C-alpha atoms as a PDB file:
ATOM      1  CA  UNK A   1       6.318  -2.177  20.448  1.00  0.00           C
ATOM      2  CA  UNK A   2       3.658  -4.868  20.892  1.00  0.00           C
ATOM      3  CA  UNK A   3       0.925  -2.281  20.275  1.00  0.00           C
ATOM      4  CA  UNK A   4       2.408  -1.546  16.828  1.00  0.00           C
ATOM      5  CA  UNK A   5       2.638  -5.270  16.064  1.00  0.00           C
ATOM      6  CA  UNK A   6      -0.973  -5.887  17.112  1.00  0.00           C
ATOM      7  CA  UNK A   7      -2.140  -2.927  15.006  1.00  0.00           C
ATOM      8  CA  UNK A   8      -0.142  -4.230  12.021  1.00  0.00           C
ATOM      9  CA  UNK A   9      -1.627  -7.716  12.347  1.00  0.00           C
ATOM     10  CA  UNK A  10      -5.171  -6.367  12.655  1.00  0.00           C
ATOM     11  CA  UNK A  11      -4.917  -3.957   9.725  1.00  0.00           C
ATOM     12  CA  UNK A  12      -2.847  -6.249   7.487  1.00  0.00           C
ATOM     13  CA  UNK A  13      -5.377  -9.041   7.982  1.00  0.00           C
ATOM     14  CA  UNK A  14      -8.326  -6.780   7.175  1.00  0.00           C
ATOM     15  CA  UNK A  15      -6.659  -5.230   4.152  1.00  0.00           C
ATOM     16  CA  UNK A  16      -5.388  -8.548   2.787  1.00  0.00           C
ATOM     17  CA  UNK A  17      -8.861 -10.042   3.052  1.00  0.00           C
ATOM     18  CA  UNK A  18     -10.268  -6.975   1.270  1.00  0.00           C
ATOM     19  CA  UNK A  19      -7.782  -7.392  -1.605  1.00  0.00           C
ATOM     20  CA  UNK A  20      -8.539 -11.115  -1.874  1.00  0.00           C
ATOM     21  CA  UNK A  21     -12.271 -10.387  -1.899  1.00  0.00           C
ATOM     22  CA  UNK A  22     -11.892  -7.767  -4.654  1.00  0.00           C
ATOM     23  CA  UNK A  23      -9.824 -10.220  -6.745  1.00  0.00           C
ATOM     24  CA  UNK A  24     -12.616 -12.765  -6.380  1.00  0.00           C
ATOM     25  CA  UNK A  25     -15.125 -10.129  -7.493  1.00  0.00           C
ATOM     26  CA  UNK A  26     -12.890  -9.260 -10.466  1.00  0.00           C
ATOM     27  CA  UNK A  27     -12.769 -12.928 -11.450  1.00  0.00           C
ATOM     28  CA  UNK A  28     -16.554 -12.832 -11.808  1.00  0.00           C
ATOM     29  CA  UNK A  29     -15.939 -10.756 -14.947  1.00  0.00           C
ATOM     30  CA  UNK A  30     -14.538 -13.888 -16.581  1.00  0.00           C
ATOM     31  CA  UNK A  31     -18.083 -15.123 -17.302  1.00  0.00           C
ATOM     32  CA  UNK A  32     -18.260 -14.909 -21.103  1.00  0.00           C
ATOM     33  CA  UNK A  33     -22.032 -15.274 -21.044  1.00  0.00           C
ATOM     34  CA  UNK A  34     -22.253 -11.893 -19.311  1.00  0.00           C
ATOM     35  CA  UNK A  35     -19.142 -10.054 -20.543  1.00  0.00           C
ATOM     36  CA  UNK A  36     -17.154  -9.637 -23.731  1.00  0.00           C
ATOM     37  CA  UNK A  37     -13.399  -9.041 -23.611  1.00  0.00           C
ATOM     38  CA  UNK A  38     -10.224  -9.893 -25.469  1.00  0.00           C
ATOM     39  CA  UNK A  39      -6.855 -11.200 -24.365  1.00  0.00           C
ATOM     40  CA  UNK A  40      -5.216  -7.772 -24.685  1.00  0.00           C
ATOM     41  CA  UNK A  41      -7.619  -6.301 -22.120  1.00  0.00           C
ATOM     42  CA  UNK A  42      -7.025  -9.153 -19.689  1.00  0.00           C
ATOM     43  CA  UNK A  43      -3.251  -8.831 -20.103  1.00  0.00           C
ATOM     44  CA  UNK A  44      -3.515  -5.097 -19.371  1.00  0.00           C
ATOM     45  CA  UNK A  45      -5.552  -5.694 -16.203  1.00  0.00           C
ATOM     46  CA  UNK A  46      -3.206  -8.312 -14.801  1.00  0.00           C
ATOM     47  CA  UNK A  47      -0.057  -6.433 -15.827  1.00  0.00           C
ATOM     48  CA  UNK A  48      -1.251  -3.490 -13.728  1.00  0.00           C
ATOM     49  CA  UNK A  49      -2.144  -5.746 -10.793  1.00  0.00           C
ATOM     50  CA  UNK A  50       1.264  -7.455 -10.976  1.00  0.00           C
ATOM     51  CA  UNK A  51       3.039  -4.080 -11.198  1.00  0.00           C
ATOM     52  CA  UNK A  52       1.294  -2.759  -8.103  1.00  0.00           C
ATOM     53  CA  UNK A  53       1.920  -6.030  -6.265  1.00  0.00           C
ATOM     54  CA  UNK A  54       5.662  -5.667  -6.932  1.00  0.00           C
ATOM     55  CA  UNK A  55       5.592  -2.062  -5.691  1.00  0.00           C
ATOM     56  CA  UNK A  56       3.765  -3.059  -2.506  1.00  0.00           C
ATOM     57  CA  UNK A  57       6.079  -6.011  -1.882  1.00  0.00           C
ATOM     58  CA  UNK A  58       9.172  -3.853  -2.409  1.00  0.00           C
ATOM     59  CA  UNK A  59       8.013  -1.543   0.363  1.00  0.00           C
ATOM     60  CA  UNK A  60       8.183  -4.507   2.769  1.00  0.00           C
ATOM     61  CA  UNK A  61      11.608  -5.651   1.541  1.00  0.00           C
ATOM     62  CA  UNK A  62      14.209  -5.677   4.292  1.00  0.00           C
ATOM     63  CA  UNK A  63      17.549  -4.778   2.820  1.00  0.00           C
ATOM     64  CA  UNK A  64      20.331  -6.889   4.284  1.00  0.00           C
ATOM     65  CA  UNK A  65      22.953  -4.414   3.140  1.00  0.00           C
ATOM     66  CA  UNK A  66      22.559  -1.018   4.789  1.00  0.00           C
ATOM     67  CA  UNK A  67      25.979   0.204   3.654  1.00  0.00           C
ATOM     68  CA  UNK A  68      26.361   3.220   1.418  1.00  0.00           C
ATOM     69  CA  UNK A  69      26.792   2.624  -2.278  1.00  0.00           C
ATOM     70  CA  UNK A  70      30.385   2.927  -3.516  1.00  0.00           C
ATOM     71  CA  UNK A  71      32.093   2.436  -6.854  1.00  0.00           C
END
């Protein structure tokens, strides 16, 4: 069990740092002296990022109720 935990910590740390780095790189596109964009484009970018973040977070969600659904 500890091997799985160590592997999780190692990979989760690497992958989280990679995501954070790519977000920092994306934020470089905010320089209006180098790039031209409108609010609609920015909203589309961040809507997609937020959607994928919710999907990823949901995969980690621990359900407290493991009972079958009933009406």
